[in-house]
């Protein structure tokens, strides 16, 4: 919310070798927040 709404978002999470980083969960939050 501090970043605010965006027109276009690119997420760059780590790959599967960093599975335990919780980046997948964070990316899911980004998807739910920013939608399309």
ModelCIF file with pLDDT and N, C-alpha, C, O atoms, coordinates in Angstrom:
data_MODEL
#
_entry.id   MODEL 
#
_entity.id                         1 
_entity.type                       polymer 
_entity.pdbx_number_of_molecules   1 
#
_entity_poly.entity_id                      1 
_entity_poly.type                           'polypeptide(L)' 
_entity_poly.nstd_linkage                   no 
_entity_poly.nstd_monomer                   no 
_entity_poly.pdbx_seq_one_letter_code       
;(UNK)(UNK)(UNK)(UNK)(UNK)(UNK)(UNK)(UNK)(UNK)(UNK)(UNK)(UNK)(UNK)(UNK)(UNK)(UNK)
(UNK)(UNK)(UNK)(UNK)(UNK)(UNK)(UNK)(UNK)(UNK)(UNK)(UNK)(UNK)(UNK)(UNK)(UNK)(UNK)
(UNK)(UNK)(UNK)(UNK)
;
_entity_poly.pdbx_seq_one_letter_code_can   XXXXXXXXXXXXXXXXXXXXXXXXXXXXXXXXXXXX 
_entity_poly.pdbx_strand_id                 A 
#
loop_
_entity_poly_seq.entity_id 
_entity_poly_seq.num 
_entity_poly_seq.mon_id 
_entity_poly_seq.hetero 
1 1  UNK n 
1 2  UNK n 
1 3  UNK n 
1 4  UNK n 
1 5  UNK n 
1 6  UNK n 
1 7  UNK n 
1 8  UNK n 
1 9  UNK n 
1 10 UNK n 
1 11 UNK n 
1 12 UNK n 
1 13 UNK n 
1 14 UNK n 
1 15 UNK n 
1 16 UNK n 
1 17 UNK n 
1 18 UNK n 
1 19 UNK n 
1 20 UNK n 
1 21 UNK n 
1 22 UNK n 
1 23 UNK n 
1 24 UNK n 
1 25 UNK n 
1 26 UNK n 
1 27 UNK n 
1 28 UNK n 
1 29 UNK n 
1 30 UNK n 
1 31 UNK n 
1 32 UNK n 
1 33 UNK n 
1 34 UNK n 
1 35 UNK n 
1 36 UNK n 
#
_struct_asym.id          A 
_struct_asym.entity_id   1 
#
loop_
_ma_qa_metric.id 
_ma_qa_metric.mode 
_ma_qa_metric.name 
_ma_qa_metric.software_group_id 
_ma_qa_metric.type 
1 global pLDDT . pLDDT 
2 local  pLDDT . pLDDT 
#
_ma_qa_metric_global.metric_id      1 
_ma_qa_metric_global.metric_value   93.75 
_ma_qa_metric_global.model_id       1 
_ma_qa_metric_global.ordinal_id     1 
#
loop_
_ma_qa_metric_local.label_asym_id 
_ma_qa_metric_local.label_comp_id 
_ma_qa_metric_local.label_seq_id 
_ma_qa_metric_local.metric_id 
_ma_qa_metric_local.metric_value 
_ma_qa_metric_local.model_id 
_ma_qa_metric_local.ordinal_id 
A UNK 1  2 86.00 1 1  
A UNK 2  2 89.00 1 2  
A UNK 3  2 86.00 1 3  
A UNK 4  2 86.00 1 4  
A UNK 5  2 88.00 1 5  
A UNK 6  2 93.00 1 6  
A UNK 7  2 94.00 1 7  
A UNK 8  2 96.00 1 8  
A UNK 9  2 96.00 1 9  
A UNK 10 2 96.00 1 10 
A UNK 11 2 97.00 1 11 
A UNK 12 2 95.00 1 12 
A UNK 13 2 96.00 1 13 
A UNK 14 2 94.00 1 14 
A UNK 15 2 92.00 1 15 
A UNK 16 2 92.00 1 16 
A UNK 17 2 92.00 1 17 
A UNK 18 2 93.00 1 18 
A UNK 19 2 93.00 1 19 
A UNK 20 2 94.00 1 20 
A UNK 21 2 96.00 1 21 
A UNK 22 2 96.00 1 22 
A UNK 23 2 95.00 1 23 
A UNK 24 2 95.00 1 24 
A UNK 25 2 96.00 1 25 
A UNK 26 2 96.00 1 26 
A UNK 27 2 97.00 1 27 
A UNK 28 2 96.00 1 28 
A UNK 29 2 95.00 1 29 
A UNK 30 2 95.00 1 30 
A UNK 31 2 97.00 1 31 
A UNK 32 2 95.00 1 32 
A UNK 33 2 95.00 1 33 
A UNK 34 2 96.00 1 34 
A UNK 35 2 93.00 1 35 
A UNK 36 2 94.00 1 36 
#
loop_
_atom_site.group_PDB 
_atom_site.id 
_atom_site.type_symbol 
_atom_site.label_atom_id 
_atom_site.label_alt_id 
_atom_site.label_comp_id 
_atom_site.label_asym_id 
_atom_site.label_entity_id 
_atom_site.label_seq_id 
_atom_site.pdbx_PDB_ins_code 
_atom_site.Cartn_x 
_atom_site.Cartn_y 
_atom_site.Cartn_z 
_atom_site.occupancy 
_atom_site.B_iso_or_equiv 
_atom_site.pdbx_formal_charge 
_atom_site.auth_seq_id 
_atom_site.auth_comp_id 
_atom_site.auth_asym_id 
_atom_site.auth_atom_id 
_atom_site.pdbx_PDB_model_num 
ATOM 1   N N  . UNK A 1 1  ? 0.822  -1.205  0.000   1.00 86.00 ? 1  UNK A N  1 
ATOM 2   C CA . UNK A 1 1  ? 0.000  0.000   0.000   1.00 86.00 ? 1  UNK A CA 1 
ATOM 3   C C  . UNK A 1 1  ? 0.859  1.260   0.000   1.00 86.00 ? 1  UNK A C  1 
ATOM 4   O O  . UNK A 1 1  ? 0.477  2.271   -0.590  1.00 86.00 ? 1  UNK A O  1 
ATOM 5   N N  . UNK A 1 2  ? 2.017  1.207   0.658   1.00 89.00 ? 2  UNK A N  1 
ATOM 6   C CA . UNK A 1 2  ? 2.912  2.367   0.664   1.00 89.00 ? 2  UNK A CA 1 
ATOM 7   C C  . UNK A 1 2  ? 3.438  2.669   -0.732  1.00 89.00 ? 2  UNK A C  1 
ATOM 8   O O  . UNK A 1 2  ? 3.681  3.827   -1.072  1.00 89.00 ? 2  UNK A O  1 
ATOM 9   N N  . UNK A 1 3  ? 3.614  1.626   -1.543  1.00 86.00 ? 3  UNK A N  1 
ATOM 10  C CA . UNK A 1 3  ? 4.051  1.831   -2.923  1.00 86.00 ? 3  UNK A CA 1 
ATOM 11  C C  . UNK A 1 3  ? 2.919  2.370   -3.772  1.00 86.00 ? 3  UNK A C  1 
ATOM 12  O O  . UNK A 1 3  ? 3.154  3.080   -4.750  1.00 86.00 ? 3  UNK A O  1 
ATOM 13  N N  . UNK A 1 4  ? 1.708  2.040   -3.410  1.00 86.00 ? 4  UNK A N  1 
ATOM 14  C CA . UNK A 1 4  ? 0.544  2.521   -4.136  1.00 86.00 ? 4  UNK A CA 1 
ATOM 15  C C  . UNK A 1 4  ? 0.234  1.687   -5.363  1.00 86.00 ? 4  UNK A C  1 
ATOM 16  O O  . UNK A 1 4  ? 0.947  0.742   -5.698  1.00 86.00 ? 4  UNK A O  1 
ATOM 17  N N  . UNK A 1 5  ? -0.848 2.063   -6.021  1.00 88.00 ? 5  UNK A N  1 
ATOM 18  C CA . UNK A 1 5  ? -1.249 1.358   -7.225  1.00 88.00 ? 5  UNK A CA 1 
ATOM 19  C C  . UNK A 1 5  ? -0.281 1.669   -8.366  1.00 88.00 ? 5  UNK A C  1 
ATOM 20  O O  . UNK A 1 5  ? 0.262  2.770   -8.457  1.00 88.00 ? 5  UNK A O  1 
ATOM 21  N N  . UNK A 1 6  ? -0.081 0.696   -9.217  1.00 93.00 ? 6  UNK A N  1 
ATOM 22  C CA . UNK A 1 6  ? 0.814  0.825   -10.363 1.00 93.00 ? 6  UNK A CA 1 
ATOM 23  C C  . UNK A 1 6  ? 0.052  0.447   -11.627 1.00 93.00 ? 6  UNK A C  1 
ATOM 24  O O  . UNK A 1 6  ? -0.900 -0.332  -11.583 1.00 93.00 ? 6  UNK A O  1 
ATOM 25  N N  . UNK A 1 7  ? 0.481  1.008   -12.748 1.00 94.00 ? 7  UNK A N  1 
ATOM 26  C CA . UNK A 1 7  ? -0.132 0.652   -14.027 1.00 94.00 ? 7  UNK A CA 1 
ATOM 27  C C  . UNK A 1 7  ? 0.430  -0.651  -14.563 1.00 94.00 ? 7  UNK A C  1 
ATOM 28  O O  . UNK A 1 7  ? -0.284 -1.439  -15.184 1.00 94.00 ? 7  UNK A O  1 
ATOM 29  N N  . UNK A 1 8  ? 1.721  -0.873  -14.318 1.00 96.00 ? 8  UNK A N  1 
ATOM 30  C CA . UNK A 1 8  ? 2.387  -2.059  -14.846 1.00 96.00 ? 8  UNK A CA 1 
ATOM 31  C C  . UNK A 1 8  ? 3.469  -2.494  -13.867 1.00 96.00 ? 8  UNK A C  1 
ATOM 32  O O  . UNK A 1 8  ? 4.297  -1.686  -13.447 1.00 96.00 ? 8  UNK A O  1 
ATOM 33  N N  . UNK A 1 9  ? 3.459  -3.778  -13.505 1.00 96.00 ? 9  UNK A N  1 
ATOM 34  C CA . UNK A 1 9  ? 4.393  -4.289  -12.507 1.00 96.00 ? 9  UNK A CA 1 
ATOM 35  C C  . UNK A 1 9  ? 5.137  -5.495  -13.069 1.00 96.00 ? 9  UNK A C  1 
ATOM 36  O O  . UNK A 1 9  ? 4.537  -6.382  -13.676 1.00 96.00 ? 9  UNK A O  1 
ATOM 37  N N  . UNK A 1 10 ? 6.438  -5.515  -12.860 1.00 96.00 ? 10 UNK A N  1 
ATOM 38  C CA . UNK A 1 10 ? 7.292  -6.655  -13.178 1.00 96.00 ? 10 UNK A CA 1 
ATOM 39  C C  . UNK A 1 10 ? 7.867  -7.157  -11.867 1.00 96.00 ? 10 UNK A C  1 
ATOM 40  O O  . UNK A 1 10 ? 8.500  -6.399  -11.132 1.00 96.00 ? 10 UNK A O  1 
ATOM 41  N N  . UNK A 1 11 ? 7.651  -8.433  -11.570 1.00 97.00 ? 11 UNK A N  1 
ATOM 42  C CA . UNK A 1 11 ? 8.231  -9.038  -10.365 1.00 97.00 ? 11 UNK A CA 1 
ATOM 43  C C  . UNK A 1 11 ? 9.421  -9.895  -10.784 1.00 97.00 ? 11 UNK A C  1 
ATOM 44  O O  . UNK A 1 11 ? 9.356  -10.615 -11.780 1.00 97.00 ? 11 UNK A O  1 
ATOM 45  N N  . UNK A 1 12 ? 10.513 -9.812  -10.015 1.00 95.00 ? 12 UNK A N  1 
ATOM 46  C CA . UNK A 1 12 ? 11.715 -10.595 -10.301 1.00 95.00 ? 12 UNK A CA 1 
ATOM 47  C C  . UNK A 1 12 ? 12.093 -11.375 -9.035  1.00 95.00 ? 12 UNK A C  1 
ATOM 48  O O  . UNK A 1 12 ? 12.990 -10.974 -8.294  1.00 95.00 ? 12 UNK A O  1 
ATOM 49  N N  . UNK A 1 13 ? 11.403 -12.485 -8.801  1.00 96.00 ? 13 UNK A N  1 
ATOM 50  C CA . UNK A 1 13 ? 11.740 -13.309 -7.639  1.00 96.00 ? 13 UNK A CA 1 
ATOM 51  C C  . UNK A 1 13 ? 12.890 -14.258 -7.968  1.00 96.00 ? 13 UNK A C  1 
ATOM 52  O O  . UNK A 1 13 ? 13.220 -14.444 -9.139  1.00 96.00 ? 13 UNK A O  1 
ATOM 53  N N  . UNK A 1 14 ? 13.499 -14.858 -6.954  1.00 94.00 ? 14 UNK A N  1 
ATOM 54  C CA . UNK A 1 14 ? 14.512 -15.880 -7.240  1.00 94.00 ? 14 UNK A CA 1 
ATOM 55  C C  . UNK A 1 14 ? 13.848 -17.128 -7.824  1.00 94.00 ? 14 UNK A C  1 
ATOM 56  O O  . UNK A 1 14 ? 12.627 -17.278 -7.765  1.00 94.00 ? 14 UNK A O  1 
ATOM 57  N N  . UNK A 1 15 ? 14.654 -18.009 -8.380  1.00 92.00 ? 15 UNK A N  1 
ATOM 58  C CA . UNK A 1 15 ? 14.128 -19.239 -8.978  1.00 92.00 ? 15 UNK A CA 1 
ATOM 59  C C  . UNK A 1 15 ? 13.944 -20.323 -7.919  1.00 92.00 ? 15 UNK A C  1 
ATOM 60  O O  . UNK A 1 15 ? 14.074 -20.067 -6.722  1.00 92.00 ? 15 UNK A O  1 
ATOM 61  N N  . UNK A 1 16 ? 13.642 -21.527 -8.376  1.00 92.00 ? 16 UNK A N  1 
ATOM 62  C CA . UNK A 1 16 ? 13.301 -22.636 -7.479  1.00 92.00 ? 16 UNK A CA 1 
ATOM 63  C C  . UNK A 1 16 ? 14.447 -23.030 -6.557  1.00 92.00 ? 16 UNK A C  1 
ATOM 64  O O  . UNK A 1 16 ? 14.212 -23.614 -5.499  1.00 92.00 ? 16 UNK A O  1 
ATOM 65  N N  . UNK A 1 17 ? 15.686 -22.719 -6.941  1.00 92.00 ? 17 UNK A N  1 
ATOM 66  C CA . UNK A 1 17 ? 16.809 -23.060 -6.060  1.00 92.00 ? 17 UNK A CA 1 
ATOM 67  C C  . UNK A 1 17 ? 16.750 -22.271 -4.752  1.00 92.00 ? 17 UNK A C  1 
ATOM 68  O O  . UNK A 1 17 ? 17.463 -22.596 -3.803  1.00 92.00 ? 17 UNK A O  1 
ATOM 69  N N  . UNK A 1 18 ? 15.921 -21.254 -4.696  1.00 93.00 ? 18 UNK A N  1 
ATOM 70  C CA . UNK A 1 18 ? 15.721 -20.444 -3.490  1.00 93.00 ? 18 UNK A CA 1 
ATOM 71  C C  . UNK A 1 18 ? 14.293 -20.620 -2.966  1.00 93.00 ? 18 UNK A C  1 
ATOM 72  O O  . UNK A 1 18 ? 13.704 -19.690 -2.416  1.00 93.00 ? 18 UNK A O  1 
ATOM 73  N N  . UNK A 1 19 ? 13.753 -21.812 -3.145  1.00 93.00 ? 19 UNK A N  1 
ATOM 74  C CA . UNK A 1 19 ? 12.377 -22.119 -2.761  1.00 93.00 ? 19 UNK A CA 1 
ATOM 75  C C  . UNK A 1 19 ? 12.077 -21.698 -1.326  1.00 93.00 ? 19 UNK A C  1 
ATOM 76  O O  . UNK A 1 19 ? 11.018 -21.127 -1.065  1.00 93.00 ? 19 UNK A O  1 
ATOM 77  N N  . UNK A 1 20 ? 12.976 -21.967 -0.404  1.00 94.00 ? 20 UNK A N  1 
ATOM 78  C CA . UNK A 1 20 ? 12.731 -21.712 1.017   1.00 94.00 ? 20 UNK A CA 1 
ATOM 79  C C  . UNK A 1 20 ? 12.829 -20.237 1.399   1.00 94.00 ? 20 UNK A C  1 
ATOM 80  O O  . UNK A 1 20 ? 12.664 -19.892 2.569   1.00 94.00 ? 20 UNK A O  1 
ATOM 81  N N  . UNK A 1 21 ? 13.095 -19.370 0.435   1.00 96.00 ? 21 UNK A N  1 
ATOM 82  C CA . UNK A 1 21 ? 13.191 -17.935 0.718   1.00 96.00 ? 21 UNK A CA 1 
ATOM 83  C C  . UNK A 1 21 ? 11.831 -17.291 0.980   1.00 96.00 ? 21 UNK A C  1 
ATOM 84  O O  . UNK A 1 21 ? 11.762 -16.155 1.447   1.00 96.00 ? 21 UNK A O  1 
ATOM 85  N N  . UNK A 1 22 ? 10.767 -18.002 0.684   1.00 96.00 ? 22 UNK A N  1 
ATOM 86  C CA . UNK A 1 22 ? 9.393  -17.477 0.771   1.00 96.00 ? 22 UNK A CA 1 
ATOM 87  C C  . UNK A 1 22 ? 9.088  -16.469 -0.337  1.00 96.00 ? 22 UNK A C  1 
ATOM 88  O O  . UNK A 1 22 ? 8.083  -15.762 -0.267  1.00 96.00 ? 22 UNK A O  1 
ATOM 89  N N  . UNK A 1 23 ? 9.942  -16.396 -1.352  1.00 95.00 ? 23 UNK A N  1 
ATOM 90  C CA . UNK A 1 23 ? 9.700  -15.480 -2.465  1.00 95.00 ? 23 UNK A CA 1 
ATOM 91  C C  . UNK A 1 23 ? 8.435  -15.865 -3.228  1.00 95.00 ? 23 UNK A C  1 
ATOM 92  O O  . UNK A 1 23 ? 7.756  -15.001 -3.782  1.00 95.00 ? 23 UNK A O  1 
ATOM 93  N N  . UNK A 1 24 ? 8.122  -17.149 -3.258  1.00 95.00 ? 24 UNK A N  1 
ATOM 94  C CA . UNK A 1 24 ? 6.884  -17.585 -3.914  1.00 95.00 ? 24 UNK A CA 1 
ATOM 95  C C  . UNK A 1 24 ? 5.668  -17.013 -3.222  1.00 95.00 ? 24 UNK A C  1 
ATOM 96  O O  . UNK A 1 24 ? 4.737  -16.544 -3.876  1.00 95.00 ? 24 UNK A O  1 
ATOM 97  N N  . UNK A 1 25 ? 5.671  -17.049 -1.900  1.00 96.00 ? 25 UNK A N  1 
ATOM 98  C CA . UNK A 1 25 ? 4.568  -16.482 -1.116  1.00 96.00 ? 25 UNK A CA 1 
ATOM 99  C C  . UNK A 1 25 ? 4.480  -14.974 -1.333  1.00 96.00 ? 25 UNK A C  1 
ATOM 100 O O  . UNK A 1 25 ? 3.389  -14.432 -1.513  1.00 96.00 ? 25 UNK A O  1 
ATOM 101 N N  . UNK A 1 26 ? 5.620  -14.305 -1.315  1.00 96.00 ? 26 UNK A N  1 
ATOM 102 C CA . UNK A 1 26 ? 5.628  -12.857 -1.544  1.00 96.00 ? 26 UNK A CA 1 
ATOM 103 C C  . UNK A 1 26 ? 5.122  -12.508 -2.941  1.00 96.00 ? 26 UNK A C  1 
ATOM 104 O O  . UNK A 1 26 ? 4.391  -11.532 -3.117  1.00 96.00 ? 26 UNK A O  1 
ATOM 105 N N  . UNK A 1 27 ? 5.511  -13.304 -3.929  1.00 97.00 ? 27 UNK A N  1 
ATOM 106 C CA . UNK A 1 27 ? 5.041  -13.070 -5.297  1.00 97.00 ? 27 UNK A CA 1 
ATOM 107 C C  . UNK A 1 27 ? 3.533  -13.288 -5.374  1.00 97.00 ? 27 UNK A C  1 
ATOM 108 O O  . UNK A 1 27 ? 2.842  -12.571 -6.098  1.00 97.00 ? 27 UNK A O  1 
ATOM 109 N N  . UNK A 1 28 ? 3.021  -14.259 -4.643  1.00 96.00 ? 28 UNK A N  1 
ATOM 110 C CA . UNK A 1 28 ? 1.574  -14.487 -4.590  1.00 96.00 ? 28 UNK A CA 1 
ATOM 111 C C  . UNK A 1 28 ? 0.860  -13.269 -4.001  1.00 96.00 ? 28 UNK A C  1 
ATOM 112 O O  . UNK A 1 28 ? -0.203 -12.878 -4.483  1.00 96.00 ? 28 UNK A O  1 
ATOM 113 N N  . UNK A 1 29 ? 1.441  -12.672 -2.964  1.00 95.00 ? 29 UNK A N  1 
ATOM 114 C CA . UNK A 1 29 ? 0.866  -11.450 -2.386  1.00 95.00 ? 29 UNK A CA 1 
ATOM 115 C C  . UNK A 1 29 ? 0.845  -10.323 -3.418  1.00 95.00 ? 29 UNK A C  1 
ATOM 116 O O  . UNK A 1 29 ? -0.135 -9.587  -3.534  1.00 95.00 ? 29 UNK A O  1 
ATOM 117 N N  . UNK A 1 30 ? 1.944  -10.202 -4.164  1.00 95.00 ? 30 UNK A N  1 
ATOM 118 C CA . UNK A 1 30 ? 2.026  -9.170  -5.209  1.00 95.00 ? 30 UNK A CA 1 
ATOM 119 C C  . UNK A 1 30 ? 0.939  -9.394  -6.249  1.00 95.00 ? 30 UNK A C  1 
ATOM 120 O O  . UNK A 1 30 ? 0.276  -8.449  -6.677  1.00 95.00 ? 30 UNK A O  1 
ATOM 121 N N  . UNK A 1 31 ? 0.758  -10.639 -6.652  1.00 97.00 ? 31 UNK A N  1 
ATOM 122 C CA . UNK A 1 31 ? -0.284 -10.968 -7.637  1.00 97.00 ? 31 UNK A CA 1 
ATOM 123 C C  . UNK A 1 31 ? -1.676 -10.612 -7.103  1.00 97.00 ? 31 UNK A C  1 
ATOM 124 O O  . UNK A 1 31 ? -2.481 -10.025 -7.826  1.00 97.00 ? 31 UNK A O  1 
ATOM 125 N N  . UNK A 1 32 ? -1.962 -10.955 -5.865  1.00 95.00 ? 32 UNK A N  1 
ATOM 126 C CA . UNK A 1 32 ? -3.278 -10.671 -5.282  1.00 95.00 ? 32 UNK A CA 1 
ATOM 127 C C  . UNK A 1 32 ? -3.501 -9.166  -5.126  1.00 95.00 ? 32 UNK A C  1 
ATOM 128 O O  . UNK A 1 32 ? -4.626 -8.690  -5.280  1.00 95.00 ? 32 UNK A O  1 
ATOM 129 N N  . UNK A 1 33 ? -2.455 -8.426  -4.825  1.00 95.00 ? 33 UNK A N  1 
ATOM 130 C CA . UNK A 1 33 ? -2.596 -6.986  -4.613  1.00 95.00 ? 33 UNK A CA 1 
ATOM 131 C C  . UNK A 1 33 ? -2.713 -6.227  -5.941  1.00 95.00 ? 33 UNK A C  1 
ATOM 132 O O  . UNK A 1 33 ? -3.602 -5.393  -6.110  1.00 95.00 ? 33 UNK A O  1 
ATOM 133 N N  . UNK A 1 34 ? -1.823 -6.519  -6.865  1.00 96.00 ? 34 UNK A N  1 
ATOM 134 C CA . UNK A 1 34 ? -1.766 -5.740  -8.102  1.00 96.00 ? 34 UNK A CA 1 
ATOM 135 C C  . UNK A 1 34 ? -2.652 -6.298  -9.219  1.00 96.00 ? 34 UNK A C  1 
ATOM 136 O O  . UNK A 1 34 ? -2.910 -5.599  -10.199 1.00 96.00 ? 34 UNK A O  1 
ATOM 137 N N  . UNK A 1 35 ? -3.110 -7.513  -9.093  1.00 93.00 ? 35 UNK A N  1 
ATOM 138 C CA . UNK A 1 35 ? -3.998 -8.152  -10.067 1.00 93.00 ? 35 UNK A CA 1 
ATOM 139 C C  . UNK A 1 35 ? -3.461 -7.994  -11.488 1.00 93.00 ? 35 UNK A C  1 
ATOM 140 O O  . UNK A 1 35 ? -2.326 -8.382  -11.766 1.00 93.00 ? 35 UNK A O  1 
ATOM 141 N N  . UNK A 1 36 ? -4.264 -7.428  -12.389 1.00 94.00 ? 36 UNK A N  1 
ATOM 142 C CA . UNK A 1 36 ? -3.860 -7.347  -13.803 1.00 94.00 ? 36 UNK A CA 1 
ATOM 143 C C  . UNK A 1 36 ? -2.707 -6.387  -14.057 1.00 94.00 ? 36 UNK A C  1 
ATOM 144 O O  . UNK A 1 36 ? -2.276 -6.228  -15.198 1.00 94.00 ? 36 UNK A O  1 
#
